């Protein structure tokens, strides 16, 4: 398989809300849920992309948004564009009410397509 250009590199982006109180462990778990769920979604739809991402070092970036509205807006935008993504809703077993939307997992997918919607976001 030919190497991708750096502008079309595969990556996974995880976006987390900053307006809800989560301990460090809870935050780490939500990021892990988003990463794994999103990867499994891509593996089902495009095994070649999933394997290329695994072989390429599994690049991940974690970004933040200020609220649920921003998270859902991004989720809908990626869905509309056909970019694989998953929205994480907490089960409510520990720190958060059931159904709290905590994170968005995107890709692994082409960085150029992800960056269209995430380039203005800050790192977590």
N, C-alpha and C. Protein backbone atom coordinates (compact mmCIF):
# COMPACT_ATOMS: atom_id res chain seq x y z
N UNK A 1 0.84 -1.17 0.00
CA UNK A 1 0.00 0.00 0.00
C UNK A 1 0.90 1.24 0.00
N UNK A 2 0.65 2.21 -0.89
CA UNK A 2 1.50 3.40 -0.93
C UNK A 2 1.33 4.25 0.33
N UNK A 3 2.40 4.92 0.70
CA UNK A 3 2.34 5.77 1.89
C UNK A 3 1.45 6.98 1.63
N UNK A 4 0.76 7.40 2.64
CA UNK A 4 -0.07 8.60 2.54
C UNK A 4 0.79 9.84 2.70
N UNK A 5 0.34 10.93 2.10
CA UNK A 5 1.03 12.19 2.31
C UNK A 5 0.72 12.66 3.73
N UNK A 6 1.54 13.52 4.28
CA UNK A 6 1.33 13.98 5.66
C UNK A 6 0.02 14.75 5.80
N UNK A 7 -0.47 15.35 4.72
CA UNK A 7 -1.73 16.08 4.79
C UNK A 7 -2.94 15.15 4.75
N UNK A 8 -2.75 13.90 4.33
CA UNK A 8 -3.85 12.95 4.26
C UNK A 8 -3.63 11.78 5.21
N UNK A 9 -2.83 12.02 6.24
CA UNK A 9 -2.50 10.99 7.22
C UNK A 9 -3.75 10.54 7.98
N UNK A 10 -3.81 9.25 8.27
CA UNK A 10 -4.91 8.74 9.07
C UNK A 10 -4.70 9.10 10.53
N UNK A 11 -5.78 9.49 11.18
CA UNK A 11 -5.71 9.79 12.60
C UNK A 11 -7.07 9.60 13.22
N UNK A 12 -7.06 9.53 14.52
CA UNK A 12 -8.30 9.45 15.28
C UNK A 12 -8.33 10.69 16.18
N UNK A 13 -9.49 11.30 16.27
CA UNK A 13 -9.66 12.47 17.13
C UNK A 13 -10.75 12.17 18.14
N UNK A 14 -10.46 12.47 19.39
CA UNK A 14 -11.42 12.33 20.47
C UNK A 14 -11.71 13.73 20.98
N UNK A 15 -13.00 14.06 21.09
CA UNK A 15 -13.40 15.38 21.57
C UNK A 15 -14.19 15.19 22.86
N UNK A 16 -13.80 15.95 23.89
CA UNK A 16 -14.37 15.80 25.23
C UNK A 16 -14.99 17.12 25.67
N UNK A 17 -16.11 17.01 26.34
CA UNK A 17 -16.76 18.19 26.94
C UNK A 17 -15.99 18.65 28.17
N UNK A 18 -15.89 19.97 28.35
CA UNK A 18 -15.21 20.50 29.53
C UNK A 18 -16.17 21.12 30.53
N UNK A 19 -17.47 21.09 30.24
CA UNK A 19 -18.44 21.73 31.14
C UNK A 19 -19.00 20.77 32.19
N UNK A 20 -18.58 19.51 32.16
CA UNK A 20 -19.07 18.56 33.16
C UNK A 20 -17.91 18.14 34.06
N UNK A 21 -18.24 17.95 35.32
CA UNK A 21 -17.22 17.55 36.30
C UNK A 21 -16.96 16.06 36.20
N UNK A 22 -15.73 15.72 35.84
CA UNK A 22 -15.30 14.31 35.80
C UNK A 22 -13.93 14.23 36.43
N UNK A 23 -13.72 13.22 37.26
CA UNK A 23 -12.39 12.98 37.79
C UNK A 23 -11.46 12.53 36.66
N UNK A 24 -10.19 12.53 36.92
CA UNK A 24 -9.21 12.14 35.88
C UNK A 24 -9.45 10.73 35.35
N UNK A 25 -9.75 9.81 36.25
CA UNK A 25 -10.00 8.43 35.84
C UNK A 25 -11.24 8.33 34.97
N UNK A 26 -12.29 9.05 35.34
CA UNK A 26 -13.54 9.06 34.57
C UNK A 26 -13.28 9.65 33.18
N UNK A 27 -12.54 10.74 33.14
CA UNK A 27 -12.20 11.37 31.87
C UNK A 27 -11.40 10.40 30.99
N UNK A 28 -10.43 9.73 31.58
CA UNK A 28 -9.62 8.77 30.83
C UNK A 28 -10.50 7.64 30.29
N UNK A 29 -11.44 7.18 31.09
CA UNK A 29 -12.34 6.11 30.66
C UNK A 29 -13.22 6.56 29.50
N UNK A 30 -13.71 7.79 29.55
CA UNK A 30 -14.56 8.30 28.47
C UNK A 30 -13.77 8.42 27.16
N UNK A 31 -12.53 8.88 27.26
CA UNK A 31 -11.67 8.97 26.08
C UNK A 31 -11.40 7.57 25.53
N UNK A 32 -11.16 6.61 26.42
CA UNK A 32 -10.92 5.23 25.99
C UNK A 32 -12.16 4.64 25.32
N UNK A 33 -13.33 4.89 25.88
CA UNK A 33 -14.58 4.43 25.26
C UNK A 33 -14.70 4.99 23.85
N UNK A 34 -14.49 6.29 23.71
CA UNK A 34 -14.63 6.95 22.41
C UNK A 34 -13.63 6.38 21.40
N UNK A 35 -12.41 6.16 21.83
CA UNK A 35 -11.39 5.64 20.93
C UNK A 35 -11.73 4.23 20.45
N UNK A 36 -12.05 3.36 21.39
CA UNK A 36 -12.34 1.98 21.04
C UNK A 36 -13.61 1.85 20.21
N UNK A 37 -14.67 2.53 20.63
CA UNK A 37 -15.94 2.46 19.90
C UNK A 37 -15.78 2.96 18.47
N UNK A 38 -15.06 4.06 18.32
CA UNK A 38 -14.86 4.64 16.99
C UNK A 38 -14.01 3.72 16.12
N UNK A 39 -12.93 3.17 16.69
CA UNK A 39 -12.10 2.23 15.94
C UNK A 39 -12.92 1.03 15.47
N UNK A 40 -13.71 0.45 16.37
CA UNK A 40 -14.51 -0.73 16.01
C UNK A 40 -15.51 -0.40 14.91
N UNK A 41 -16.05 0.82 14.93
CA UNK A 41 -16.96 1.26 13.89
C UNK A 41 -16.25 1.31 12.53
N UNK A 42 -15.04 1.83 12.52
CA UNK A 42 -14.27 1.90 11.27
C UNK A 42 -13.87 0.50 10.81
N UNK A 43 -13.49 -0.35 11.75
CA UNK A 43 -13.08 -1.71 11.40
C UNK A 43 -14.22 -2.45 10.67
N UNK A 44 -15.46 -2.22 11.11
CA UNK A 44 -16.61 -2.86 10.46
C UNK A 44 -16.83 -2.33 9.05
N UNK A 45 -16.64 -1.03 8.87
CA UNK A 45 -16.98 -0.41 7.58
C UNK A 45 -15.81 -0.38 6.60
N UNK A 46 -14.58 -0.31 7.10
CA UNK A 46 -13.42 -0.21 6.19
C UNK A 46 -12.18 -0.81 6.86
N UNK A 47 -12.08 -2.14 6.78
CA UNK A 47 -10.95 -2.85 7.43
C UNK A 47 -9.59 -2.34 6.96
N UNK A 48 -9.49 -1.96 5.71
CA UNK A 48 -8.22 -1.49 5.15
C UNK A 48 -7.75 -0.22 5.89
N UNK A 49 -8.65 0.72 6.08
CA UNK A 49 -8.30 1.95 6.80
C UNK A 49 -7.94 1.63 8.24
N UNK A 50 -8.72 0.77 8.89
CA UNK A 50 -8.45 0.40 10.28
C UNK A 50 -7.06 -0.22 10.41
N UNK A 51 -6.71 -1.14 9.51
CA UNK A 51 -5.40 -1.79 9.58
C UNK A 51 -4.27 -0.83 9.27
N UNK A 52 -4.48 0.04 8.31
CA UNK A 52 -3.44 1.03 7.96
C UNK A 52 -3.17 1.95 9.16
N UNK A 53 -4.21 2.33 9.87
CA UNK A 53 -4.04 3.17 11.05
C UNK A 53 -3.28 2.42 12.14
N UNK A 54 -3.62 1.15 12.36
CA UNK A 54 -2.89 0.35 13.34
C UNK A 54 -1.42 0.22 12.96
N UNK A 55 -1.16 -0.05 11.69
CA UNK A 55 0.21 -0.22 11.22
C UNK A 55 1.00 1.09 11.25
N UNK A 56 0.29 2.20 11.21
CA UNK A 56 0.95 3.51 11.15
C UNK A 56 1.18 4.18 12.49
N UNK A 57 0.93 3.48 13.59
CA UNK A 57 1.23 4.05 14.91
C UNK A 57 0.02 4.55 15.69
N UNK A 58 -1.18 4.40 15.13
CA UNK A 58 -2.41 4.73 15.86
C UNK A 58 -2.46 6.17 16.36
N UNK A 59 -2.20 7.13 15.48
CA UNK A 59 -2.20 8.54 15.86
C UNK A 59 -3.56 8.95 16.42
N UNK A 60 -3.51 9.57 17.63
CA UNK A 60 -4.72 10.05 18.31
C UNK A 60 -4.48 11.47 18.79
N UNK A 61 -5.53 12.26 18.73
CA UNK A 61 -5.48 13.63 19.24
C UNK A 61 -6.72 13.83 20.10
N UNK A 62 -6.57 14.43 21.28
CA UNK A 62 -7.71 14.68 22.16
C UNK A 62 -7.91 16.19 22.26
N UNK A 63 -9.13 16.59 21.89
CA UNK A 63 -9.50 18.01 21.85
C UNK A 63 -10.65 18.26 22.81
N UNK A 64 -11.00 19.52 22.99
CA UNK A 64 -12.08 19.85 23.92
C UNK A 64 -13.10 20.79 23.30
N UNK A 65 -14.33 20.67 23.80
CA UNK A 65 -15.41 21.60 23.46
C UNK A 65 -16.04 22.05 24.77
N UNK A 66 -16.70 23.21 24.75
CA UNK A 66 -17.21 23.77 26.01
C UNK A 66 -18.52 23.20 26.51
N UNK A 67 -19.29 22.49 25.64
CA UNK A 67 -20.61 22.06 26.08
C UNK A 67 -21.19 20.97 25.19
N UNK A 68 -22.33 20.42 25.62
CA UNK A 68 -22.99 19.34 24.90
C UNK A 68 -23.45 19.79 23.50
N UNK A 69 -23.94 21.01 23.39
CA UNK A 69 -24.41 21.52 22.10
C UNK A 69 -23.29 21.48 21.05
N UNK A 70 -22.09 21.88 21.43
CA UNK A 70 -20.95 21.86 20.51
C UNK A 70 -20.59 20.44 20.12
N UNK A 71 -20.65 19.53 21.08
CA UNK A 71 -20.33 18.12 20.82
C UNK A 71 -21.31 17.51 19.83
N UNK A 72 -22.59 17.75 20.04
CA UNK A 72 -23.62 17.19 19.16
C UNK A 72 -23.56 17.83 17.77
N UNK A 73 -23.28 19.10 17.71
CA UNK A 73 -23.14 19.79 16.42
C UNK A 73 -22.03 19.15 15.59
N UNK A 74 -20.90 18.88 16.22
CA UNK A 74 -19.79 18.23 15.52
C UNK A 74 -20.17 16.80 15.11
N UNK A 75 -20.82 16.07 15.99
CA UNK A 75 -21.26 14.71 15.68
C UNK A 75 -22.13 14.71 14.43
N UNK A 76 -23.09 15.60 14.37
CA UNK A 76 -23.99 15.68 13.22
C UNK A 76 -23.25 16.08 11.95
N UNK A 77 -22.29 16.97 12.07
CA UNK A 77 -21.51 17.40 10.91
C UNK A 77 -20.70 16.24 10.33
N UNK A 78 -20.05 15.48 11.21
CA UNK A 78 -19.27 14.33 10.73
C UNK A 78 -20.18 13.26 10.13
N UNK A 79 -21.31 13.02 10.75
CA UNK A 79 -22.27 12.06 10.19
C UNK A 79 -22.70 12.49 8.79
N UNK A 80 -23.02 13.76 8.64
CA UNK A 80 -23.48 14.30 7.36
C UNK A 80 -22.42 14.10 6.27
N UNK A 81 -21.17 14.29 6.64
CA UNK A 81 -20.06 14.14 5.68
C UNK A 81 -19.63 12.69 5.48
N UNK A 82 -20.21 11.77 6.22
CA UNK A 82 -19.87 10.36 6.07
C UNK A 82 -18.56 9.96 6.72
N UNK A 83 -18.09 10.75 7.68
CA UNK A 83 -16.87 10.43 8.41
C UNK A 83 -17.27 9.58 9.62
N UNK A 84 -16.66 8.40 9.79
CA UNK A 84 -17.03 7.53 10.90
C UNK A 84 -16.83 8.20 12.26
N UNK A 85 -17.88 8.16 13.07
CA UNK A 85 -17.80 8.78 14.39
C UNK A 85 -18.82 8.15 15.32
N UNK A 86 -18.55 8.25 16.62
CA UNK A 86 -19.47 7.74 17.64
C UNK A 86 -19.57 8.74 18.78
N UNK A 87 -20.76 8.83 19.32
CA UNK A 87 -21.02 9.70 20.46
C UNK A 87 -21.10 8.82 21.70
N UNK A 88 -20.34 9.17 22.73
CA UNK A 88 -20.31 8.39 23.97
C UNK A 88 -21.31 8.97 24.95
N UNK A 89 -22.21 8.12 25.42
CA UNK A 89 -23.15 8.49 26.48
C UNK A 89 -22.83 7.64 27.70
N UNK A 90 -22.68 8.29 28.83
CA UNK A 90 -22.29 7.59 30.05
C UNK A 90 -23.43 6.72 30.58
N UNK A 91 -23.07 5.58 31.16
CA UNK A 91 -24.06 4.65 31.71
C UNK A 91 -24.64 5.15 33.04
N UNK A 92 -23.99 6.11 33.67
CA UNK A 92 -24.51 6.66 34.91
C UNK A 92 -24.25 5.83 36.15
N UNK A 93 -23.22 5.01 36.11
CA UNK A 93 -22.95 4.13 37.25
C UNK A 93 -22.11 4.80 38.35
N UNK A 94 -21.42 5.89 38.01
CA UNK A 94 -20.56 6.50 39.02
C UNK A 94 -20.80 8.00 39.16
N UNK A 95 -20.11 8.82 38.40
CA UNK A 95 -20.10 10.26 38.63
C UNK A 95 -21.14 11.07 37.88
N UNK A 96 -21.71 10.52 36.81
CA UNK A 96 -22.59 11.30 35.95
C UNK A 96 -23.98 10.69 35.84
N UNK A 97 -24.98 11.50 35.55
CA UNK A 97 -26.32 10.95 35.32
C UNK A 97 -26.32 10.07 34.07
N UNK A 98 -27.16 9.03 34.05
CA UNK A 98 -27.24 8.16 32.86
C UNK A 98 -27.57 8.98 31.61
N UNK A 99 -26.89 8.64 30.52
CA UNK A 99 -27.14 9.29 29.24
C UNK A 99 -26.36 10.57 29.00
N UNK A 100 -25.54 10.98 29.96
CA UNK A 100 -24.74 12.19 29.77
C UNK A 100 -23.79 11.98 28.59
N UNK A 101 -23.86 12.86 27.61
CA UNK A 101 -22.97 12.77 26.45
C UNK A 101 -21.63 13.39 26.84
N UNK A 102 -20.58 12.56 26.82
CA UNK A 102 -19.29 12.99 27.35
C UNK A 102 -18.22 13.23 26.30
N UNK A 103 -18.25 12.44 25.22
CA UNK A 103 -17.15 12.48 24.25
C UNK A 103 -17.62 12.07 22.87
N UNK A 104 -16.82 12.44 21.90
CA UNK A 104 -17.05 12.09 20.51
C UNK A 104 -15.78 11.46 19.97
N UNK A 105 -15.89 10.26 19.41
CA UNK A 105 -14.75 9.60 18.78
C UNK A 105 -14.90 9.71 17.27
N UNK A 106 -13.85 10.13 16.60
CA UNK A 106 -13.88 10.32 15.14
C UNK A 106 -12.73 9.52 14.53
N UNK A 107 -13.07 8.66 13.58
CA UNK A 107 -12.06 7.90 12.88
C UNK A 107 -11.54 6.72 13.67
N UNK A 108 -10.46 6.15 13.19
CA UNK A 108 -9.44 6.72 12.32
C UNK A 108 -9.98 6.98 10.91
N UNK A 109 -9.53 8.12 10.39
CA UNK A 109 -9.95 8.56 9.07
C UNK A 109 -8.93 9.55 8.52
N UNK A 110 -9.16 10.00 7.31
CA UNK A 110 -8.25 10.96 6.67
C UNK A 110 -8.22 12.26 7.47
N UNK A 111 -7.01 12.65 7.84
CA UNK A 111 -6.85 13.87 8.61
C UNK A 111 -7.44 15.09 7.95
N UNK A 112 -7.35 15.17 6.63
CA UNK A 112 -7.88 16.34 5.92
C UNK A 112 -9.38 16.47 6.12
N UNK A 113 -10.08 15.35 6.19
CA UNK A 113 -11.53 15.41 6.37
C UNK A 113 -11.91 15.71 7.82
N UNK A 114 -11.11 15.24 8.75
CA UNK A 114 -11.37 15.52 10.16
C UNK A 114 -11.05 16.99 10.48
N UNK A 115 -9.94 17.48 9.95
CA UNK A 115 -9.49 18.84 10.24
C UNK A 115 -10.47 19.92 9.79
N UNK A 116 -11.29 19.63 8.80
CA UNK A 116 -12.28 20.62 8.33
C UNK A 116 -13.17 21.10 9.46
N UNK A 117 -13.43 20.22 10.42
CA UNK A 117 -14.34 20.56 11.52
C UNK A 117 -13.65 20.75 12.86
N UNK A 118 -12.38 20.36 12.96
CA UNK A 118 -11.73 20.39 14.28
C UNK A 118 -10.54 21.33 14.37
N UNK A 119 -10.14 21.95 13.29
CA UNK A 119 -8.89 22.74 13.31
C UNK A 119 -8.93 23.91 14.29
N UNK A 120 -10.09 24.43 14.62
CA UNK A 120 -10.19 25.55 15.55
C UNK A 120 -10.25 25.12 17.01
N UNK A 121 -10.39 23.83 17.27
CA UNK A 121 -10.50 23.34 18.64
C UNK A 121 -9.13 23.26 19.31
N UNK A 122 -9.14 23.40 20.62
CA UNK A 122 -7.90 23.36 21.42
C UNK A 122 -7.67 21.95 21.97
N UNK A 123 -6.39 21.65 22.21
CA UNK A 123 -6.04 20.38 22.85
C UNK A 123 -6.57 20.34 24.26
N UNK A 124 -6.94 19.15 24.72
CA UNK A 124 -7.42 18.98 26.10
C UNK A 124 -6.26 19.11 27.06
